[in-house]
Amino acid sequence: MAARKSTEELKESWREKIQASLIINRLVDHSLGKNEMSSTQINAAKIVLAKVLPDLKATEIKADVEHSGKIATLIQLVSLD
């Protein structure tokens, strides 16, 4: 049987996720005009989220693919009239 993470580590992980969701909700409400936030509060929220949540970055995958079969291409023309 695989060893489980300690419950203290799990509790801390969930605590961080809950706090992050509260910050995100506050930022969303601000963007919708439901509450006011100063620029200092917004910057602090961005810093805390950067510590808790990973940054999502675009990645490019390059691959060479060889295929010996026939490839059929279907082109559908659509009239916008």
PDB file of N, CA and C in Angstrom:
ATOM      1  N   MET A   1       0.844  -1.179   0.000  1.00  0.00           N
ATOM      2  CA  MET A   1       0.000   0.000   0.000  1.00  0.00           C
ATOM      3  C   MET A   1       0.886   1.238   0.000  1.00  0.00           C
ATOM      4  N   ALA A   2       0.539   2.183  -0.851  1.00  0.00           N
ATOM      5  CA  ALA A   2       1.322   3.412  -0.942  1.00  0.00           C
ATOM      6  C   ALA A   2       1.080   4.286   0.279  1.00  0.00           C
ATOM      7  N   ALA A   3       2.125   4.962   0.687  1.00  0.00           N
ATOM      8  CA  ALA A   3       2.012   5.855   1.842  1.00  0.00           C
ATOM      9  C   ALA A   3       1.220   7.096   1.458  1.00  0.00           C
ATOM     10  N   ARG A   4       0.381   7.550   2.371  1.00  0.00           N
ATOM     11  CA  ARG A   4      -0.404   8.760   2.139  1.00  0.00           C
ATOM     12  C   ARG A   4       0.363   9.972   2.616  1.00  0.00           C
ATOM     13  N   LYS A   5       0.041  11.114   1.987  1.00  0.00           N
ATOM     14  CA  LYS A   5       0.618  12.356   2.475  1.00  0.00           C
ATOM     15  C   LYS A   5       0.035  12.635   3.850  1.00  0.00           C
ATOM     16  N   SER A   6       0.777  13.320   4.641  1.00  0.00           N
ATOM     17  CA  SER A   6       0.259  13.622   5.972  1.00  0.00           C
ATOM     18  C   SER A   6      -0.964  14.525   5.846  1.00  0.00           C
ATOM     19  N   THR A   7      -1.874  14.384   6.775  1.00  0.00           N
ATOM     20  CA  THR A   7      -3.102  15.175   6.717  1.00  0.00           C
ATOM     21  C   THR A   7      -2.801  16.660   6.880  1.00  0.00           C
ATOM     22  N   GLU A   8      -1.726  16.998   7.567  1.00  0.00           N
ATOM     23  CA  GLU A   8      -1.373  18.411   7.731  1.00  0.00           C
ATOM     24  C   GLU A   8      -1.001  19.030   6.385  1.00  0.00           C
ATOM     25  N   GLU A   9      -0.273  18.282   5.543  1.00  0.00           N
ATOM     26  CA  GLU A   9       0.084  18.785   4.216  1.00  0.00           C
ATOM     27  C   GLU A   9      -1.164  18.968   3.362  1.00  0.00           C
ATOM     28  N   LEU A  10      -2.103  18.023   3.450  1.00  0.00           N
ATOM     29  CA  LEU A  10      -3.336  18.124   2.687  1.00  0.00           C
ATOM     30  C   LEU A  10      -4.170  19.310   3.155  1.00  0.00           C
ATOM     31  N   LYS A  11      -4.239  19.507   4.451  1.00  0.00           N
ATOM     32  CA  LYS A  11      -5.004  20.630   4.978  1.00  0.00           C
ATOM     33  C   LYS A  11      -4.424  21.951   4.488  1.00  0.00           C
ATOM     34  N   GLU A  12      -3.117  22.067   4.490  1.00  0.00           N
ATOM     35  CA  GLU A  12      -2.459  23.294   4.037  1.00  0.00           C
ATOM     36  C   GLU A  12      -2.718  23.517   2.548  1.00  0.00           C
ATOM     37  N   SER A  13      -2.682  22.455   1.776  1.00  0.00           N
ATOM     38  CA  SER A  13      -2.941  22.556   0.344  1.00  0.00           C
ATOM     39  C   SER A  13      -4.358  23.068   0.084  1.00  0.00           C
ATOM     40  N   TRP A  14      -5.325  22.500   0.791  1.00  0.00           N
ATOM     41  CA  TRP A  14      -6.708  22.947   0.621  1.00  0.00           C
ATOM     42  C   TRP A  14      -6.891  24.374   1.112  1.00  0.00           C
ATOM     43  N   ARG A  15      -6.226  24.730   2.170  1.00  0.00           N
ATOM     44  CA  ARG A  15      -6.320  26.090   2.705  1.00  0.00           C
ATOM     45  C   ARG A  15      -5.824  27.102   1.665  1.00  0.00           C
ATOM     46  N   GLU A  16      -4.715  26.781   1.003  1.00  0.00           N
ATOM     47  CA  GLU A  16      -4.174  27.664  -0.029  1.00  0.00           C
ATOM     48  C   GLU A  16      -5.138  27.784  -1.204  1.00  0.00           C
ATOM     49  N   LYS A  17      -5.748  26.662  -1.607  1.00  0.00           N
ATOM     50  CA  LYS A  17      -6.685  26.694  -2.728  1.00  0.00           C
ATOM     51  C   LYS A  17      -7.927  27.522  -2.390  1.00  0.00           C
ATOM     52  N   ILE A  18      -8.415  27.385  -1.171  1.00  0.00           N
ATOM     53  CA  ILE A  18      -9.584  28.160  -0.748  1.00  0.00           C
ATOM     54  C   ILE A  18      -9.244  29.642  -0.721  1.00  0.00           C
ATOM     55  N   GLN A  19      -8.095  29.996  -0.180  1.00  0.00           N
ATOM     56  CA  GLN A  19      -7.694  31.397  -0.140  1.00  0.00           C
ATOM     57  C   GLN A  19      -7.530  31.955  -1.550  1.00  0.00           C
ATOM     58  N   ALA A  20      -6.973  31.158  -2.444  1.00  0.00           N
ATOM     59  CA  ALA A  20      -6.810  31.606  -3.828  1.00  0.00           C
ATOM     60  C   ALA A  20      -8.166  31.837  -4.472  1.00  0.00           C
ATOM     61  N   SER A  21      -9.123  30.951  -4.211  1.00  0.00           N
ATOM     62  CA  SER A  21     -10.440  31.127  -4.816  1.00  0.00           C
ATOM     63  C   SER A  21     -11.126  32.379  -4.276  1.00  0.00           C
ATOM     64  N   LEU A  22     -10.911  32.710  -3.018  1.00  0.00           N
ATOM     65  CA  LEU A  22     -11.489  33.932  -2.455  1.00  0.00           C
ATOM     66  C   LEU A  22     -10.897  35.173  -3.128  1.00  0.00           C
ATOM     67  N   ILE A  23      -9.595  35.152  -3.362  1.00  0.00           N
ATOM     68  CA  ILE A  23      -8.933  36.276  -4.036  1.00  0.00           C
ATOM     69  C   ILE A  23      -9.441  36.396  -5.473  1.00  0.00           C
ATOM     70  N   ILE A  24      -9.563  35.264  -6.149  1.00  0.00           N
ATOM     71  CA  ILE A  24     -10.048  35.281  -7.527  1.00  0.00           C
ATOM     72  C   ILE A  24     -11.470  35.822  -7.582  1.00  0.00           C
ATOM     73  N   ASN A  25     -12.315  35.377  -6.657  1.00  0.00           N
ATOM     74  CA  ASN A  25     -13.695  35.868  -6.629  1.00  0.00           C
ATOM     75  C   ASN A  25     -13.734  37.376  -6.409  1.00  0.00           C
ATOM     76  N   ARG A  26     -12.878  37.860  -5.536  1.00  0.00           N
ATOM     77  CA  ARG A  26     -12.828  39.299  -5.261  1.00  0.00           C
ATOM     78  C   ARG A  26     -12.393  40.073  -6.513  1.00  0.00           C
ATOM     79  N   LEU A  27     -11.388  39.552  -7.234  1.00  0.00           N
ATOM     80  CA  LEU A  27     -10.939  40.202  -8.469  1.00  0.00           C
ATOM     81  C   LEU A  27     -12.020  40.170  -9.554  1.00  0.00           C
ATOM     82  N   VAL A  28     -12.737  39.064  -9.646  1.00  0.00           N
ATOM     83  CA  VAL A  28     -13.821  38.958 -10.625  1.00  0.00           C
ATOM     84  C   VAL A  28     -14.920  39.965 -10.290  1.00  0.00           C
ATOM     85  N   ASP A  29     -15.293  40.050  -9.012  1.00  0.00           N
ATOM     86  CA  ASP A  29     -16.304  41.023  -8.602  1.00  0.00           C
ATOM     87  C   ASP A  29     -15.856  42.448  -8.926  1.00  0.00           C
ATOM     88  N   HIS A  30     -14.582  42.719  -8.731  1.00  0.00           N
ATOM     89  CA  HIS A  30     -14.051  44.046  -9.060  1.00  0.00           C
ATOM     90  C   HIS A  30     -14.178  44.319 -10.560  1.00  0.00           C
ATOM     91  N   SER A  31     -13.846  43.321 -11.370  1.00  0.00           N
ATOM     92  CA  SER A  31     -13.916  43.518 -12.814  1.00  0.00           C
ATOM     93  C   SER A  31     -15.353  43.694 -13.295  1.00  0.00           C
ATOM     94  N   LEU A  32     -16.316  43.138 -12.546  1.00  0.00           N
ATOM     95  CA  LEU A  32     -17.729  43.292 -12.893  1.00  0.00           C
ATOM     96  C   LEU A  32     -18.350  44.537 -12.282  1.00  0.00           C
ATOM     97  N   GLY A  33     -17.564  45.290 -11.514  1.00  0.00           N
ATOM     98  CA  GLY A  33     -18.054  46.520 -10.908  1.00  0.00           C
ATOM     99  C   GLY A  33     -18.841  46.308  -9.626  1.00  0.00           C
ATOM    100  N   LYS A  34     -18.747  45.116  -9.035  1.00  0.00           N
ATOM    101  CA  LYS A  34     -19.499  44.822  -7.805  1.00  0.00           C
ATOM    102  C   LYS A  34     -18.805  45.340  -6.556  1.00  0.00           C
ATOM    103  N   ASN A  35     -17.491  45.536  -6.611  1.00  0.00           N
ATOM    104  CA  ASN A  35     -16.760  46.096  -5.468  1.00  0.00           C
ATOM    105  C   ASN A  35     -15.571  46.914  -5.975  1.00  0.00           C
ATOM    106  N   GLU A  36     -15.096  47.771  -5.134  1.00  0.00           N
ATOM    107  CA  GLU A  36     -13.961  48.623  -5.473  1.00  0.00           C
ATOM    108  C   GLU A  36     -12.698  48.067  -4.830  1.00  0.00           C
ATOM    109  N   MET A  37     -11.603  48.134  -5.565  1.00  0.00           N
ATOM    110  CA  MET A  37     -10.303  47.728  -5.035  1.00  0.00           C
ATOM    111  C   MET A  37      -9.287  48.778  -5.461  1.00  0.00           C
ATOM    112  N   SER A  38      -8.367  49.081  -4.561  1.00  0.00           N
ATOM    113  CA  SER A  38      -7.300  50.015  -4.924  1.00  0.00           C
ATOM    114  C   SER A  38      -6.260  49.282  -5.768  1.00  0.00           C
ATOM    115  N   SER A  39      -5.419  50.039  -6.440  1.00  0.00           N
ATOM    116  CA  SER A  39      -4.374  49.415  -7.257  1.00  0.00           C
ATOM    117  C   SER A  39      -3.418  48.607  -6.380  1.00  0.00           C
ATOM    118  N   THR A  40      -3.208  49.052  -5.145  1.00  0.00           N
ATOM    119  CA  THR A  40      -2.357  48.299  -4.213  1.00  0.00           C
ATOM    120  C   THR A  40      -2.981  46.947  -3.890  1.00  0.00           C
ATOM    121  N   GLN A  41      -4.287  46.909  -3.670  1.00  0.00           N
ATOM    122  CA  GLN A  41      -4.962  45.642  -3.383  1.00  0.00           C
ATOM    123  C   GLN A  41      -4.893  44.697  -4.582  1.00  0.00           C
ATOM    124  N   ILE A  42      -5.060  45.246  -5.765  1.00  0.00           N
ATOM    125  CA  ILE A  42      -5.002  44.419  -6.973  1.00  0.00           C
ATOM    126  C   ILE A  42      -3.600  43.843  -7.162  1.00  0.00           C
ATOM    127  N   ASN A  43      -2.581  44.665  -6.970  1.00  0.00           N
ATOM    128  CA  ASN A  43      -1.197  44.177  -7.099  1.00  0.00           C
ATOM    129  C   ASN A  43      -0.880  43.130  -6.048  1.00  0.00           C
ATOM    130  N   ALA A  44      -1.358  43.333  -4.821  1.00  0.00           N
ATOM    131  CA  ALA A  44      -1.123  42.348  -3.761  1.00  0.00           C
ATOM    132  C   ALA A  44      -1.813  41.027  -4.109  1.00  0.00           C
ATOM    133  N   ALA A  45      -3.020  41.105  -4.652  1.00  0.00           N
ATOM    134  CA  ALA A  45      -3.743  39.893  -5.041  1.00  0.00           C
ATOM    135  C   ALA A  45      -2.984  39.144  -6.134  1.00  0.00           C
ATOM    136  N   LYS A  46      -2.442  39.876  -7.106  1.00  0.00           N
ATOM    137  CA  LYS A  46      -1.672  39.244  -8.173  1.00  0.00           C
ATOM    138  C   LYS A  46      -0.436  38.543  -7.618  1.00  0.00           C
ATOM    139  N   ILE A  47       0.229  39.164  -6.666  1.00  0.00           N
ATOM    140  CA  ILE A  47       1.440  38.572  -6.076  1.00  0.00           C
ATOM    141  C   ILE A  47       1.107  37.294  -5.321  1.00  0.00           C
ATOM    142  N   VAL A  48       0.037  37.335  -4.523  1.00  0.00           N
ATOM    143  CA  VAL A  48      -0.360  36.150  -3.746  1.00  0.00           C
ATOM    144  C   VAL A  48      -0.772  35.025  -4.682  1.00  0.00           C
ATOM    145  N   LEU A  49      -1.539  35.332  -5.722  1.00  0.00           N
ATOM    146  CA  LEU A  49      -1.951  34.294  -6.668  1.00  0.00           C
ATOM    147  C   LEU A  49      -0.759  33.686  -7.390  1.00  0.00           C
ATOM    148  N   ALA A  50       0.240  34.492  -7.700  1.00  0.00           N
ATOM    149  CA  ALA A  50       1.439  33.974  -8.359  1.00  0.00           C
ATOM    150  C   ALA A  50       2.188  32.984  -7.467  1.00  0.00           C
ATOM    151  N   LYS A  51       2.089  33.178  -6.157  1.00  0.00           N
ATOM    152  CA  LYS A  51       2.753  32.263  -5.216  1.00  0.00           C
ATOM    153  C   LYS A  51       1.977  30.957  -5.070  1.00  0.00           C
ATOM    154  N   VAL A  52       0.652  31.025  -5.189  1.00  0.00           N
ATOM    155  CA  VAL A  52      -0.195  29.864  -4.900  1.00  0.00           C
ATOM    156  C   VAL A  52      -0.529  29.071  -6.156  1.00  0.00           C
ATOM    157  N   LEU A  53      -0.856  29.766  -7.248  1.00  0.00           N
ATOM    158  CA  LEU A  53      -1.264  29.098  -8.476  1.00  0.00           C
ATOM    159  C   LEU A  53      -0.147  29.129  -9.508  1.00  0.00           C
ATOM    160  N   PRO A  54       0.012  28.069 -10.269  1.00  0.00           N
ATOM    161  CA  PRO A  54       1.035  28.081 -11.315  1.00  0.00           C
ATOM    162  C   PRO A  54       0.607  28.988 -12.459  1.00  0.00           C
ATOM    163  N   ASP A  55       1.579  29.595 -13.111  1.00  0.00           N
ATOM    164  CA  ASP A  55       1.298  30.413 -14.282  1.00  0.00           C
ATOM    165  C   ASP A  55       0.992  29.496 -15.454  1.00  0.00           C
ATOM    166  N   LEU A  56      -0.018  29.844 -16.216  1.00  0.00           N
ATOM    167  CA  LEU A  56      -0.330  29.081 -17.422  1.00  0.00           C
ATOM    168  C   LEU A  56       0.350  29.771 -18.589  1.00  0.00           C
ATOM    169  N   LYS A  57       1.225  29.046 -19.235  1.00  0.00           N
ATOM    170  CA  LYS A  57       1.988  29.610 -20.337  1.00  0.00           C
ATOM    171  C   LYS A  57       1.738  28.789 -21.585  1.00  0.00           C
ATOM    172  N   ALA A  58       1.747  29.463 -22.721  1.00  0.00           N
ATOM    173  CA  ALA A  58       1.582  28.767 -23.992  1.00  0.00           C
ATOM    174  C   ALA A  58       2.834  27.956 -24.279  1.00  0.00           C
ATOM    175  N   THR A  59       2.629  26.758 -24.755  1.00  0.00           N
ATOM    176  CA  THR A  59       3.762  25.922 -25.136  1.00  0.00           C
ATOM    177  C   THR A  59       3.583  25.491 -26.587  1.00  0.00           C
ATOM    178  N   GLU A  60       4.679  25.323 -27.243  1.00  0.00           N
ATOM    179  CA  GLU A  60       4.654  24.902 -28.634  1.00  0.00           C
ATOM    180  C   GLU A  60       5.253  23.513 -28.721  1.00  0.00           C
ATOM    181  N   ILE A  61       4.539  22.629 -29.413  1.00  0.00           N
ATOM    182  CA  ILE A  61       5.022  21.261 -29.579  1.00  0.00           C
ATOM    183  C   ILE A  61       5.327  21.060 -31.057  1.00  0.00           C
ATOM    184  N   LYS A  62       6.549  20.677 -31.326  1.00  0.00           N
ATOM    185  CA  LYS A  62       6.956  20.403 -32.707  1.00  0.00           C
ATOM    186  C   LYS A  62       7.217  18.918 -32.841  1.00  0.00           C
ATOM    187  N   ALA A  63       6.713  18.344 -33.931  1.00  0.00           N
ATOM    188  CA  ALA A  63       6.921  16.919 -34.148  1.00  0.00           C
ATOM    189  C   ALA A  63       6.991  16.644 -35.641  1.00  0.00           C
ATOM    190  N   ASP A  64       7.796  15.686 -36.016  1.00  0.00           N
ATOM    191  CA  ASP A  64       7.844  15.218 -37.393  1.00  0.00           C
ATOM    192  C   ASP A  64       7.005  13.953 -37.465  1.00  0.00           C
ATOM    193  N   VAL A  65       5.988  13.992 -38.311  1.00  0.00           N
ATOM    194  CA  VAL A  65       5.072  12.858 -38.423  1.00  0.00           C
ATOM    195  C   VAL A  65       5.164  12.311 -39.835  1.00  0.00           C
ATOM    196  N   GLU A  66       5.372  11.022 -39.925  1.00  0.00           N
ATOM    197  CA  GLU A  66       5.409  10.360 -41.221  1.00  0.00           C
ATOM    198  C   GLU A  66       4.193   9.457 -41.331  1.00  0.00           C
ATOM    199  N   HIS A  67       3.540   9.534 -42.490  1.00  0.00           N
ATOM    200  CA  HIS A  67       2.353   8.716 -42.699  1.00  0.00           C
ATOM    201  C   HIS A  67       2.412   8.183 -44.113  1.00  0.00           C
ATOM    202  N   SER A  68       2.270   6.884 -44.274  1.00  0.00           N
ATOM    203  CA  SER A  68       2.393   6.286 -45.605  1.00  0.00           C
ATOM    204  C   SER A  68       1.038   6.084 -46.279  1.00  0.00           C
ATOM    205  N   GLY A  69      -0.041   6.304 -45.579  1.00  0.00           N
ATOM    206  CA  GLY A  69      -1.379   6.116 -46.160  1.00  0.00           C
ATOM    207  C   GLY A  69      -1.829   7.320 -46.952  1.00  0.00           C
ATOM    208  N   LYS A  70      -2.961   7.176 -47.621  1.00  0.00           N
ATOM    209  CA  LYS A  70      -3.525   8.273 -48.388  1.00  0.00           C
ATOM    210  C   LYS A  70      -4.230   9.232 -47.432  1.00  0.00           C
ATOM    211  N   ILE A  71      -4.158  10.506 -47.734  1.00  0.00           N
ATOM    212  CA  ILE A  71      -4.810  11.524 -46.921  1.00  0.00           C
ATOM    213  C   ILE A  71      -5.873  12.194 -47.771  1.00  0.00           C
ATOM    214  N   ALA A  72      -7.096  12.192 -47.282  1.00  0.00           N
ATOM    215  CA  ALA A  72      -8.198  12.843 -47.989  1.00  0.00           C
ATOM    216  C   ALA A  72      -8.472  14.179 -47.319  1.00  0.00           C
ATOM    217  N   THR A  73      -8.688  15.189 -48.142  1.00  0.00           N
ATOM    218  CA  THR A  73      -8.974  16.518 -47.617  1.00  0.00           C
ATOM    219  C   THR A  73     -10.370  16.921 -48.059  1.00  0.00           C
ATOM    220  N   LEU A  74     -11.179  17.372 -47.132  1.00  0.00           N
ATOM    221  CA  LEU A  74     -12.535  17.820 -47.425  1.00  0.00           C
ATOM    222  C   LEU A  74     -12.590  19.319 -47.218  1.00  0.00           C
ATOM    223  N   ILE A  75     -13.015  20.012 -48.265  1.00  0.00           N
ATOM    224  CA  ILE A  75     -13.163  21.465 -48.175  1.00  0.00           C
ATOM    225  C   ILE A  75     -14.629  21.777 -48.431  1.00  0.00           C
ATOM    226  N   GLN A  76     -15.230  22.490 -47.504  1.00  0.00           N
ATOM    227  CA  GLN A  76     -16.634  22.841 -47.642  1.00  0.00           C
ATOM    228  C   GLN A  76     -16.724  24.346 -47.840  1.00  0.00           C
ATOM    229  N   LEU A  77     -17.365  24.744 -48.941  1.00  0.00           N
ATOM    230  CA  LEU A  77     -17.529  26.160 -49.228  1.00  0.00           C
ATOM    231  C   LEU A  77     -18.889  26.594 -48.679  1.00  0.00           C
ATOM    232  N   VAL A  78     -18.865  27.708 -47.972  1.00  0.00           N
ATOM    233  CA  VAL A  78     -20.090  28.205 -47.363  1.00  0.00           C
ATOM    234  C   VAL A  78     -20.379  29.584 -47.932  1.00  0.00           C
ATOM    235  N   SER A  79     -21.590  29.788 -48.385  1.00  0.00           N
ATOM    236  CA  SER A  79     -21.994  31.088 -48.902  1.00  0.00           C
ATOM    237  C   SER A  79     -22.487  31.939 -47.746  1.00  0.00           C
ATOM    238  N   LEU A  80     -22.035  33.196 -47.669  1.00  0.00           N
ATOM    239  CA  LEU A  80     -22.437  34.100 -46.606  1.00  0.00           C
ATOM    240  C   LEU A  80     -23.587  35.007 -47.029  1.00  0.00           C
ATOM    241  N   ASP A  81     -24.215  34.705 -48.172  1.00  0.00           N
ATOM    242  CA  ASP A  81     -25.335  35.535 -48.656  1.00  0.00           C
ATOM    243  C   ASP A  81     -26.580  35.286 -47.872  1.00  0.00           C
TER     244      ASP A  81
END
